[in-house]
């Protein structure tokens, strides 16, 4: 979502979703496509254009519209996983759905009456097996984590113009990093890693339901999201385990070694000044509004500062 007109269109759709007195029909594709259609919404745009107060208002005042929004977003992810998510347009729509769900799911978890929503069944034909919405979401996200040309590099043995079927793909051939169960290091493509990260953030958001439960329930109730993700029914469980293990167990980083060797007082002062300048930048008074931009990675910066101190204890 790179221009003001598209942002305005998205914002109008959010307002309409909340203000509609009658439930918006799930078959009204022209309306729902406004949320993940032919545009790129950054995660910052989504968080800005869908304020927390309005998500809560939607939950309380138009619950059917919130339920339909979640259902339609999950449906879009499932269909994309079924078709292979091979075009740039479809990949952009998947990321838009992922970002919207990442934004609204915590506000579903914080309301006790809504916590069972994702465990209700998807609308289906009578002769089809009923599948909880949570199962469909987790399995679709796992499929998309091993999607050639989207989250992993393609296996060119099948030809450059042939897209593999995500339902039959052997994801063990697409493990993200060399190590356990995989000897060859795949190409590192930043766009693929970024897309994987966004999907993993949504999965972690789903796992966070325990945070919103009473502490007494956390001891007696298992986290069903994690149970589904780690179950034998998830055919990607093994490659996901090895991928995450291999990525987190990469060889020693020389930069960390060099970082731990910094010892001069003036060097520490220089680094601390840099951290402070970045973190306090929005507090600087200027004549022009918004001329001093805040950094969008302050949490990562705090982690970096903590690790910097951890590696330089002496």
Protein backbone atom coordinates (compact mmCIF):
# COMPACT_ATOMS: atom_id res chain seq x y z
CA UNK A 1 0.00 0.00 0.00
CA UNK A 2 2.29 2.70 -1.24
CA UNK A 3 0.03 5.70 -1.97
CA UNK A 4 -2.53 7.79 -0.15
CA UNK A 5 -5.47 6.75 -2.36
CA UNK A 6 -5.00 3.07 -1.64
CA UNK A 7 -4.59 3.72 2.08
CA UNK A 8 -7.79 5.77 2.02
CA UNK A 9 -9.64 2.94 0.28
CA UNK A 10 -8.41 0.45 2.88
CA UNK A 11 -9.34 2.81 5.71
CA UNK A 12 -12.85 3.30 4.31
CA UNK A 13 -13.32 -0.47 4.18
CA UNK A 14 -12.34 -0.73 7.87
CA UNK A 15 -14.79 2.03 8.84
CA UNK A 16 -17.54 0.43 6.77
CA UNK A 17 -16.88 -2.92 8.41
CA UNK A 18 -17.47 -1.39 11.85
CA UNK A 19 -20.33 0.95 11.01
CA UNK A 20 -22.53 -1.44 9.03
CA UNK A 21 -25.71 -2.11 10.99
CA UNK A 22 -26.40 -5.26 8.98
CA UNK A 23 -23.88 -8.11 8.69
CA UNK A 24 -21.86 -8.00 5.47
CA UNK A 25 -22.44 -11.14 3.45
CA UNK A 26 -19.49 -13.50 3.09
CA UNK A 27 -20.28 -13.81 -0.62
CA UNK A 28 -19.72 -10.08 -1.20
CA UNK A 29 -16.24 -10.61 -2.64
CA UNK A 30 -15.99 -7.06 -3.98
CA UNK A 31 -16.10 -5.77 -0.39
CA UNK A 32 -13.75 -8.29 1.19
CA UNK A 33 -11.20 -7.98 -1.61
CA UNK A 34 -10.58 -4.41 -0.45
CA UNK A 35 -8.62 -5.79 2.51
CA UNK A 36 -6.18 -7.95 0.55
CA UNK A 37 -6.71 -7.10 -3.11
CA UNK A 38 -4.20 -5.80 -5.62
CA UNK A 39 -2.07 -3.73 -3.25
CA UNK A 40 0.78 -4.20 -0.83
CA UNK A 41 0.02 -3.32 2.78
CA UNK A 42 3.02 -3.07 5.04
CA UNK A 43 2.58 -4.31 8.57
CA UNK A 44 2.98 -0.70 9.74
CA UNK A 45 0.07 0.36 7.50
CA UNK A 46 -2.15 -2.41 8.83
CA UNK A 47 -1.44 -1.55 12.47
CA UNK A 48 -2.03 2.15 11.80
CA UNK A 49 -5.20 1.80 9.72
CA UNK A 50 -6.83 -0.76 12.04
CA UNK A 51 -6.58 0.82 15.53
CA UNK A 52 -6.96 -1.35 18.62
CA UNK A 53 -10.05 0.56 19.77
CA UNK A 54 -11.82 -0.16 16.49
CA UNK A 55 -10.99 -3.86 16.61
CA UNK A 56 -12.59 -4.03 20.05
CA UNK A 57 -15.58 -2.02 18.80
CA UNK A 58 -15.93 -4.42 15.87
CA UNK A 59 -15.80 -7.36 18.28
CA UNK A 60 -18.51 -5.90 20.50
CA UNK A 61 -20.78 -4.10 18.03
CA UNK A 62 -20.45 -6.10 14.80
CA UNK A 63 -19.23 -9.56 15.83
CA UNK A 64 -20.54 -11.25 12.69
CA UNK A 65 -18.42 -8.94 10.52
CA UNK A 66 -15.31 -9.72 12.57
CA UNK A 67 -16.02 -13.44 12.26
CA UNK A 68 -16.51 -13.14 8.50
CA UNK A 69 -13.29 -11.13 8.11
CA UNK A 70 -11.34 -13.89 9.86
CA UNK A 71 -13.10 -16.61 7.88
CA UNK A 72 -12.50 -14.89 4.53
CA UNK A 73 -8.82 -14.26 5.32
CA UNK A 74 -8.27 -17.90 6.30
CA UNK A 75 -10.22 -19.02 3.23
CA UNK A 76 -7.91 -16.92 1.04
CA UNK A 77 -4.82 -18.50 2.63
CA UNK A 78 -6.23 -22.01 2.17
CA UNK A 79 -7.05 -21.39 -1.49
CA UNK A 80 -3.60 -19.91 -2.13
CA UNK A 81 -1.96 -22.96 -0.56
CA UNK A 82 -4.16 -25.18 -2.74
CA UNK A 83 -3.25 -23.36 -5.97
CA UNK A 84 0.48 -23.06 -5.23
CA UNK A 85 0.65 -19.29 -4.68
CA UNK A 86 2.68 -18.95 -7.87
CA UNK A 87 1.93 -15.38 -9.01
CA UNK A 88 3.17 -12.13 -7.51
CA UNK A 89 -0.44 -10.95 -7.13
CA UNK A 90 -1.42 -14.02 -5.13
CA UNK A 91 1.70 -13.78 -2.97
CA UNK A 92 0.90 -10.14 -2.20
CA UNK A 93 -2.65 -11.09 -1.22
CA UNK A 94 -1.35 -13.84 1.06
CA UNK A 95 0.93 -11.39 2.87
CA UNK A 96 -1.95 -8.92 3.25
CA UNK A 97 -4.11 -11.65 4.83
CA UNK A 98 -1.26 -12.69 7.12
CA UNK A 99 -0.76 -9.12 8.33
CA UNK A 100 -4.46 -8.54 8.97
CA UNK A 101 -4.79 -11.76 10.98
CA UNK A 102 -1.62 -10.93 12.92
CA UNK A 103 -3.25 -7.63 13.85
CA UNK A 104 -6.70 -8.82 14.92
CA UNK A 105 -6.16 -12.27 16.47
CA UNK A 106 -4.82 -10.96 19.83
CA UNK A 107 -8.07 -9.02 20.32
CA UNK A 108 -10.03 -12.21 19.73
CA UNK A 109 -7.94 -14.02 22.33
CA UNK A 110 -8.43 -11.34 24.99
CA UNK A 111 -12.20 -11.94 25.08
CA UNK A 112 -13.12 -15.20 26.78
CA UNK A 113 -16.29 -15.56 24.70
CA UNK A 114 -14.25 -15.52 21.49
CA UNK A 115 -11.46 -17.95 22.39
CA UNK A 116 -13.32 -20.89 20.93
CA UNK A 117 -14.03 -19.10 17.65
CA UNK A 118 -11.15 -20.62 15.68
CA UNK A 119 -12.14 -24.06 16.88
CA UNK A 120 -15.54 -23.82 15.25
CA UNK A 121 -16.03 -25.59 11.94
CA UNK A 122 -15.62 -24.03 8.52
CA UNK A 123 -18.79 -23.81 6.44
CA UNK A 124 -18.77 -26.93 4.26
CA UNK A 125 -21.00 -29.22 2.30
CA UNK A 126 -22.85 -31.90 4.18
CA UNK A 127 -20.76 -34.72 2.71
CA UNK A 128 -17.46 -33.03 3.60
CA UNK A 129 -15.63 -33.53 6.86
CA UNK A 130 -15.93 -30.53 9.17
CA UNK A 131 -12.56 -28.90 9.84
CA UNK A 132 -11.97 -26.34 12.62
CA UNK A 133 -10.84 -22.94 11.37
CA UNK A 134 -7.64 -23.20 13.44
CA UNK A 135 -6.64 -26.44 11.69
CA UNK A 136 -7.20 -24.91 8.26
CA UNK A 137 -5.16 -21.84 9.19
CA UNK A 138 -2.19 -23.71 10.67
CA UNK A 139 -1.99 -26.26 7.86
CA UNK A 140 -2.24 -23.55 5.18
CA UNK A 141 0.51 -21.50 6.84
CA UNK A 142 2.75 -24.58 7.07
CA UNK A 143 2.17 -25.29 3.38
CA UNK A 144 3.06 -21.69 2.53
CA UNK A 145 6.30 -21.91 4.53
CA UNK A 146 7.56 -24.34 1.88
CA UNK A 147 6.20 -22.60 -1.19
CA UNK A 148 8.74 -22.39 -4.06
CA UNK A 149 9.41 -18.86 -5.35
CA UNK A 150 7.61 -17.43 -2.31
CA UNK A 151 9.23 -18.69 0.90
CA UNK A 152 11.84 -21.12 -0.47
CA UNK A 153 13.97 -21.33 -3.60
CA UNK A 154 12.41 -23.52 -6.31
CA UNK A 155 13.70 -26.94 -7.22
CA UNK A 156 14.58 -26.41 -10.87
CA UNK A 157 14.55 -30.16 -11.53
CA UNK A 158 10.88 -29.76 -12.27
CA UNK A 159 11.55 -26.99 -14.79
CA UNK A 160 11.41 -23.19 -14.46
CA UNK A 161 7.85 -22.89 -15.78
CA UNK A 162 6.29 -25.69 -13.74
CA UNK A 163 4.99 -24.81 -10.29
CA UNK A 164 4.88 -27.61 -7.78
CA UNK A 165 1.70 -28.67 -6.01
CA UNK A 166 1.99 -27.65 -2.35
CA UNK A 167 -0.31 -30.52 -1.38
CA UNK A 168 2.10 -33.15 -2.70
CA UNK A 169 5.45 -31.38 -2.42
CA UNK A 170 8.17 -33.11 -0.40
CA UNK A 171 9.01 -30.27 1.97
CA UNK A 172 12.04 -32.19 3.29
CA UNK A 173 13.72 -31.11 0.04
CA UNK A 174 13.17 -27.46 0.96
CA UNK A 175 14.61 -27.28 4.49
CA UNK A 176 15.73 -23.71 5.08
CA UNK A 177 19.31 -24.30 6.18
CA UNK A 178 21.95 -27.02 6.01
CA UNK A 179 22.46 -29.11 9.13
CA UNK A 180 20.33 -31.83 10.68
CA UNK A 181 18.64 -33.88 7.96
CA UNK A 182 19.83 -31.62 5.14
CA UNK A 183 23.36 -31.41 3.78
CA UNK A 184 23.12 -28.64 1.21
CA UNK A 185 22.71 -24.97 2.08
CA UNK A 186 19.96 -23.48 -0.12
CA UNK A 187 20.29 -20.04 -1.73
CA UNK A 188 19.63 -17.19 0.69
CA UNK A 189 17.06 -14.88 -0.88
CA UNK A 190 16.06 -11.95 1.41
CA UNK A 191 12.52 -11.75 0.00
CA UNK A 192 11.88 -15.42 0.78
CA UNK A 193 13.27 -15.05 4.30
CA UNK A 194 11.13 -11.95 4.86
CA UNK A 195 7.98 -13.78 3.72
CA UNK A 196 8.78 -16.74 5.99
CA UNK A 197 9.29 -14.36 8.90
CA UNK A 198 5.86 -12.78 8.41
CA UNK A 199 4.15 -16.17 8.32
CA UNK A 200 6.07 -17.31 11.41
CA UNK A 201 4.97 -14.15 13.23
CA UNK A 202 1.34 -15.07 12.57
CA UNK A 203 1.96 -18.61 13.83
CA UNK A 204 3.54 -17.20 17.00
CA UNK A 205 0.53 -14.90 17.38
CA UNK A 206 -1.70 -17.98 17.27
CA UNK A 207 0.49 -19.69 19.87
CA UNK A 208 0.09 -16.68 22.19
CA UNK A 209 -3.47 -17.56 23.22
CA UNK A 210 -2.17 -18.88 26.55
CA UNK A 211 -1.06 -15.35 27.47
CA UNK A 212 -4.67 -14.18 27.42
CA UNK A 213 -6.05 -17.02 29.55
CA UNK A 214 -6.39 -16.91 33.34
CA UNK A 215 -3.24 -18.26 34.96
CA UNK A 216 -5.22 -21.10 36.53
CA UNK A 217 -6.29 -22.33 33.08
CA UNK A 218 -2.76 -22.36 31.70
CA UNK A 219 -1.89 -25.25 34.03
CA UNK A 220 -4.86 -27.39 33.08
CA UNK A 221 -5.59 -26.48 29.45
CA UNK A 222 -3.10 -27.40 26.74
CA UNK A 223 -2.39 -24.89 23.99
CA UNK A 224 -4.38 -26.39 21.15
CA UNK A 225 -2.61 -24.28 18.52
CA UNK A 226 0.77 -25.76 19.45
CA UNK A 227 -0.78 -29.24 19.64
CA UNK A 228 -2.02 -28.96 16.05
CA UNK A 229 1.27 -27.49 14.81
CA UNK A 230 3.36 -30.27 16.36
CA UNK A 231 0.98 -33.16 15.68
CA UNK A 232 1.49 -36.03 13.24
CA UNK A 233 -1.37 -34.58 11.17
CA UNK A 234 0.93 -31.72 10.18
CA UNK A 235 2.89 -33.30 7.35
CA UNK A 236 5.47 -30.51 7.55
CA UNK A 237 6.28 -31.15 11.22
CA UNK A 238 9.66 -32.79 10.51
CA UNK A 239 10.99 -30.25 7.96
CA UNK A 240 9.75 -27.41 10.17
CA UNK A 241 11.56 -28.88 13.17
CA UNK A 242 14.80 -29.36 11.24
CA UNK A 243 14.53 -25.96 9.53
CA UNK A 244 14.06 -24.10 12.80
CA UNK A 245 16.77 -26.18 14.49
CA UNK A 246 19.27 -25.61 11.69
CA UNK A 247 18.58 -21.88 11.44
CA UNK A 248 19.02 -21.43 15.19
CA UNK A 249 22.16 -23.61 15.25
CA UNK A 250 24.18 -21.89 12.54
CA UNK A 251 28.00 -21.92 12.88
CA UNK A 252 29.64 -19.42 15.20
CA UNK A 253 29.35 -15.87 13.99
CA UNK A 254 32.72 -14.12 13.67
CA UNK A 255 31.00 -10.79 14.26
CA UNK A 256 30.00 -11.93 17.75
CA UNK A 257 33.59 -12.91 18.42
CA UNK A 258 34.82 -9.50 17.30
CA UNK A 259 32.06 -7.80 19.29
CA UNK A 260 33.21 -9.51 22.48
CA UNK A 261 36.74 -8.19 21.97
CA UNK A 262 35.81 -4.52 22.20
CA UNK A 263 37.46 -3.22 25.35
CA UNK A 264 38.51 0.41 24.97
CA UNK A 265 36.49 2.87 27.01
CA UNK A 266 36.21 5.33 24.13
CA UNK A 267 34.81 2.54 21.91
CA UNK A 268 32.12 1.73 24.48
CA UNK A 269 31.29 5.45 24.72
CA UNK A 270 30.97 5.67 20.94
CA UNK A 271 28.61 2.66 20.76
CA UNK A 272 26.48 3.88 23.67
CA UNK A 273 26.17 7.30 22.05
CA UNK A 274 24.93 5.62 18.87
CA UNK A 275 22.30 3.60 20.73
CA UNK A 276 21.14 6.65 22.66
CA UNK A 277 20.91 8.81 19.55
CA UNK A 278 18.72 6.29 17.74
CA UNK A 279 16.40 5.72 20.70
CA UNK A 280 15.98 9.39 21.63
CA UNK A 281 15.66 10.67 18.07
CA UNK A 282 11.85 11.17 18.28
CA UNK A 283 12.29 13.27 21.44
CA UNK A 284 14.43 15.88 19.71
CA UNK A 285 12.66 19.21 19.28
CA UNK A 286 12.62 20.47 15.69
CA UNK A 287 10.99 23.33 13.84
CA UNK A 288 9.36 21.06 11.28
CA UNK A 289 6.87 18.42 12.47
CA UNK A 290 7.90 14.82 11.83
CA UNK A 291 11.32 15.91 10.55
CA UNK A 292 12.98 13.69 13.17
CA UNK A 293 11.86 10.18 12.31
CA UNK A 294 11.71 7.48 14.96
CA UNK A 295 13.29 4.13 14.23
CA UNK A 296 10.93 1.23 13.58
CA UNK A 297 13.21 -1.34 15.21
CA UNK A 298 13.54 -0.08 18.78
CA UNK A 299 12.74 -3.52 20.23
CA UNK A 300 15.49 -5.12 18.15
CA UNK A 301 17.80 -2.29 19.19
CA UNK A 302 17.18 -3.04 22.87
CA UNK A 303 17.91 -6.73 22.25
CA UNK A 304 21.12 -5.76 20.44
CA UNK A 305 22.14 -3.54 23.37
CA UNK A 306 21.41 -6.38 25.80
CA UNK A 307 23.46 -8.85 23.74
CA UNK A 308 26.24 -6.29 23.40
CA UNK A 309 26.41 -6.04 27.19
CA UNK A 310 26.14 -9.82 27.53
CA UNK A 311 29.16 -10.42 25.29
CA UNK A 312 31.21 -7.72 27.04
CA UNK A 313 30.73 -8.58 30.70
CA UNK A 314 34.35 -7.97 31.65
